[in-house]
């Protein structure tokens, strides 16, 4: 399914908080990706009610040099009881710039919001 095009907009507070949490991990290219956040826009939604979005970084920016398109951070999401409900994936454009934020949920219900960062973990209400 192709993403729904939207007028480019700034990251909202939830998107920014999740990205900041994930990019706070140390890995090759993390610093460059963190520095891109102020220049990152949301350019598409993965569906009418999806919290997963496509991202684009406005130039000029410092490019990362990741060897993969997926940011190498395990960002598991748990509900308040501690049950695993999915994970957040951060995708890059050829390892250089932020390209997408995905909530890969394993529950029967599609999430209507991104998880929150609580006590250093990603938590999603059940």
C-alpha atoms as a PDB file:
ATOM      1  CA  UNK A   1       0.000   0.000   0.000  1.00  0.00           C
ATOM      2  CA  UNK A   2       1.379   3.401  -0.968  1.00  0.00           C
ATOM      3  CA  UNK A   3       1.520   6.018   1.765  1.00  0.00           C
ATOM      4  CA  UNK A   4      -1.076   8.764   1.789  1.00  0.00           C
ATOM      5  CA  UNK A   5       0.467  12.034   0.711  1.00  0.00           C
ATOM      6  CA  UNK A   6       0.020  14.911   3.103  1.00  0.00           C
ATOM      7  CA  UNK A   7       1.191  18.490   3.151  1.00  0.00           C
ATOM      8  CA  UNK A   8       4.628  18.344   4.767  1.00  0.00           C
ATOM      9  CA  UNK A   9       4.490  19.215   8.449  1.00  0.00           C
ATOM     10  CA  UNK A  10       6.836  19.328  11.393  1.00  0.00           C
ATOM     11  CA  UNK A  11       7.143  16.334  13.698  1.00  0.00           C
ATOM     12  CA  UNK A  12       4.460  16.379  16.377  1.00  0.00           C
ATOM     13  CA  UNK A  13       5.437  16.063  20.048  1.00  0.00           C
ATOM     14  CA  UNK A  14       4.801  12.288  20.185  1.00  0.00           C
ATOM     15  CA  UNK A  15       6.786  11.552  17.019  1.00  0.00           C
ATOM     16  CA  UNK A  16       9.671  13.694  18.224  1.00  0.00           C
ATOM     17  CA  UNK A  17       9.706  12.097  21.696  1.00  0.00           C
ATOM     18  CA  UNK A  18       9.800   8.560  20.260  1.00  0.00           C
ATOM     19  CA  UNK A  19      12.540   9.469  17.770  1.00  0.00           C
ATOM     20  CA  UNK A  20      14.596  11.216  20.453  1.00  0.00           C
ATOM     21  CA  UNK A  21      14.281   8.150  22.696  1.00  0.00           C
ATOM     22  CA  UNK A  22      15.398   5.726  19.991  1.00  0.00           C
ATOM     23  CA  UNK A  23      18.169   7.977  18.688  1.00  0.00           C
ATOM     24  CA  UNK A  24      19.534   8.454  22.215  1.00  0.00           C
ATOM     25  CA  UNK A  25      21.120   5.005  21.828  1.00  0.00           C
ATOM     26  CA  UNK A  26      24.737   4.996  20.766  1.00  0.00           C
ATOM     27  CA  UNK A  27      25.446   3.481  17.353  1.00  0.00           C
ATOM     28  CA  UNK A  28      27.404   4.598  14.296  1.00  0.00           C
ATOM     29  CA  UNK A  29      25.461   7.483  12.746  1.00  0.00           C
ATOM     30  CA  UNK A  30      23.267   8.203  15.801  1.00  0.00           C
ATOM     31  CA  UNK A  31      24.681  11.687  16.314  1.00  0.00           C
ATOM     32  CA  UNK A  32      24.028  12.676  12.697  1.00  0.00           C
ATOM     33  CA  UNK A  33      20.466  11.324  12.835  1.00  0.00           C
ATOM     34  CA  UNK A  34      19.801  13.187  16.110  1.00  0.00           C
ATOM     35  CA  UNK A  35      21.053  16.379  14.473  1.00  0.00           C
ATOM     36  CA  UNK A  36      18.516  15.901  11.652  1.00  0.00           C
ATOM     37  CA  UNK A  37      15.460  16.080  13.920  1.00  0.00           C
ATOM     38  CA  UNK A  38      15.023  19.857  13.652  1.00  0.00           C
ATOM     39  CA  UNK A  39      15.017  19.560   9.863  1.00  0.00           C
ATOM     40  CA  UNK A  40      12.721  16.515   9.660  1.00  0.00           C
ATOM     41  CA  UNK A  41       9.211  16.744   8.224  1.00  0.00           C
ATOM     42  CA  UNK A  42       6.381  14.237   7.976  1.00  0.00           C
ATOM     43  CA  UNK A  43       5.498  13.779   4.298  1.00  0.00           C
ATOM     44  CA  UNK A  44       3.093  10.841   4.304  1.00  0.00           C
ATOM     45  CA  UNK A  45       0.920   8.610   6.462  1.00  0.00           C
ATOM     46  CA  UNK A  46       0.847   4.833   6.023  1.00  0.00           C
ATOM     47  CA  UNK A  47      -2.940   4.783   6.151  1.00  0.00           C
ATOM     48  CA  UNK A  48      -5.923   6.916   7.150  1.00  0.00           C
ATOM     49  CA  UNK A  49      -5.591   6.075  10.859  1.00  0.00           C
ATOM     50  CA  UNK A  50      -1.971   4.937  10.915  1.00  0.00           C
ATOM     51  CA  UNK A  51       0.583   6.404  13.313  1.00  0.00           C
ATOM     52  CA  UNK A  52       3.383   5.182  11.014  1.00  0.00           C
ATOM     53  CA  UNK A  53       4.685   7.989   8.813  1.00  0.00           C
ATOM     54  CA  UNK A  54       7.156   8.786   6.070  1.00  0.00           C
ATOM     55  CA  UNK A  55       9.814  11.345   6.888  1.00  0.00           C
ATOM     56  CA  UNK A  56      12.012  13.658   4.875  1.00  0.00           C
ATOM     57  CA  UNK A  57      14.968  15.688   6.085  1.00  0.00           C
ATOM     58  CA  UNK A  58      15.401  19.156   4.580  1.00  0.00           C
ATOM     59  CA  UNK A  59      18.872  19.889   3.283  1.00  0.00           C
ATOM     60  CA  UNK A  60      21.426  20.973   4.222  1.00  0.00           C
ATOM     61  CA  UNK A  61      22.053  18.368   6.866  1.00  0.00           C
ATOM     62  CA  UNK A  62      24.844  16.120   8.004  1.00  0.00           C
ATOM     63  CA  UNK A  63      24.289  12.645   6.573  1.00  0.00           C
ATOM     64  CA  UNK A  64      24.747   9.508   8.633  1.00  0.00           C
ATOM     65  CA  UNK A  65      26.743   6.564   7.326  1.00  0.00           C
ATOM     66  CA  UNK A  66      24.687   3.566   8.438  1.00  0.00           C
ATOM     67  CA  UNK A  67      25.376   0.282   6.696  1.00  0.00           C
ATOM     68  CA  UNK A  68      21.654  -0.539   6.676  1.00  0.00           C
ATOM     69  CA  UNK A  69      18.384   1.302   6.096  1.00  0.00           C
ATOM     70  CA  UNK A  70      17.039   0.244   9.502  1.00  0.00           C
ATOM     71  CA  UNK A  71      18.317   2.039  12.606  1.00  0.00           C
ATOM     72  CA  UNK A  72      20.030  -0.668  14.711  1.00  0.00           C
ATOM     73  CA  UNK A  73      18.046  -0.163  17.938  1.00  0.00           C
ATOM     74  CA  UNK A  74      15.661  -2.626  19.580  1.00  0.00           C
ATOM     75  CA  UNK A  75      12.691  -0.436  20.524  1.00  0.00           C
ATOM     76  CA  UNK A  76      10.197  -2.897  21.952  1.00  0.00           C
ATOM     77  CA  UNK A  77       6.832  -1.577  23.103  1.00  0.00           C
ATOM     78  CA  UNK A  78       5.027  -3.030  26.130  1.00  0.00           C
ATOM     79  CA  UNK A  79       1.600  -2.430  27.593  1.00  0.00           C
ATOM     80  CA  UNK A  80       1.167  -1.464  31.268  1.00  0.00           C
ATOM     81  CA  UNK A  81       1.137  -5.136  32.307  1.00  0.00           C
ATOM     82  CA  UNK A  82       4.520  -5.645  30.628  1.00  0.00           C
ATOM     83  CA  UNK A  83       3.219  -7.648  27.650  1.00  0.00           C
ATOM     84  CA  UNK A  84       5.034  -7.132  24.345  1.00  0.00           C
ATOM     85  CA  UNK A  85       2.754  -5.346  21.850  1.00  0.00           C
ATOM     86  CA  UNK A  86       5.180  -4.469  19.080  1.00  0.00           C
ATOM     87  CA  UNK A  87       8.184  -2.360  18.265  1.00  0.00           C
ATOM     88  CA  UNK A  88       9.130   0.954  16.786  1.00  0.00           C
ATOM     89  CA  UNK A  89      11.253   0.844  13.655  1.00  0.00           C
ATOM     90  CA  UNK A  90      13.115   3.872  12.336  1.00  0.00           C
ATOM     91  CA  UNK A  91      14.006   3.675   8.661  1.00  0.00           C
ATOM     92  CA  UNK A  92      16.610   5.717   6.801  1.00  0.00           C
ATOM     93  CA  UNK A  93      17.123   6.681   3.193  1.00  0.00           C
ATOM     94  CA  UNK A  94      20.175   4.640   2.164  1.00  0.00           C
ATOM     95  CA  UNK A  95      21.498   4.915   5.723  1.00  0.00           C
ATOM     96  CA  UNK A  96      21.938   8.676   5.394  1.00  0.00           C
ATOM     97  CA  UNK A  97      18.753  10.507   6.483  1.00  0.00           C
ATOM     98  CA  UNK A  98      15.606   9.724   8.455  1.00  0.00           C
ATOM     99  CA  UNK A  99      12.956   8.243   6.130  1.00  0.00           C
ATOM    100  CA  UNK A 100      10.145   6.641   8.188  1.00  0.00           C
ATOM    101  CA  UNK A 101       8.817   5.988  11.671  1.00  0.00           C
ATOM    102  CA  UNK A 102       6.908   2.695  11.957  1.00  0.00           C
ATOM    103  CA  UNK A 103       4.896   1.267  14.850  1.00  0.00           C
ATOM    104  CA  UNK A 104       4.943  -2.455  14.035  1.00  0.00           C
ATOM    105  CA  UNK A 105       2.172  -3.670  16.328  1.00  0.00           C
ATOM    106  CA  UNK A 106       1.456  -7.368  16.974  1.00  0.00           C
ATOM    107  CA  UNK A 107      -1.980  -6.864  18.547  1.00  0.00           C
ATOM    108  CA  UNK A 108      -5.355  -7.315  16.870  1.00  0.00           C
ATOM    109  CA  UNK A 109      -6.042  -3.584  17.122  1.00  0.00           C
ATOM    110  CA  UNK A 110      -4.104  -1.025  15.127  1.00  0.00           C
ATOM    111  CA  UNK A 111      -2.559   1.582  17.415  1.00  0.00           C
ATOM    112  CA  UNK A 112      -4.175   4.999  17.311  1.00  0.00           C
ATOM    113  CA  UNK A 113      -1.244   6.668  19.047  1.00  0.00           C
ATOM    114  CA  UNK A 114       2.468   6.211  19.385  1.00  0.00           C
ATOM    115  CA  UNK A 115       3.779   4.773  22.632  1.00  0.00           C
ATOM    116  CA  UNK A 116       5.021   7.084  25.342  1.00  0.00           C
ATOM    117  CA  UNK A 117       8.448   6.990  26.901  1.00  0.00           C
ATOM    118  CA  UNK A 118       8.061   6.013  30.550  1.00  0.00           C
ATOM    119  CA  UNK A 119      10.956   5.100  32.825  1.00  0.00           C
ATOM    120  CA  UNK A 120      13.255   4.701  29.827  1.00  0.00           C
ATOM    121  CA  UNK A 121      10.887   2.267  28.055  1.00  0.00           C
ATOM    122  CA  UNK A 122       8.260   2.601  25.360  1.00  0.00           C
ATOM    123  CA  UNK A 123       4.813   1.981  26.819  1.00  0.00           C
ATOM    124  CA  UNK A 124       1.476   1.720  25.065  1.00  0.00           C
ATOM    125  CA  UNK A 125      -1.884   1.734  26.883  1.00  0.00           C
ATOM    126  CA  UNK A 126      -3.778  -1.537  26.641  1.00  0.00           C
END
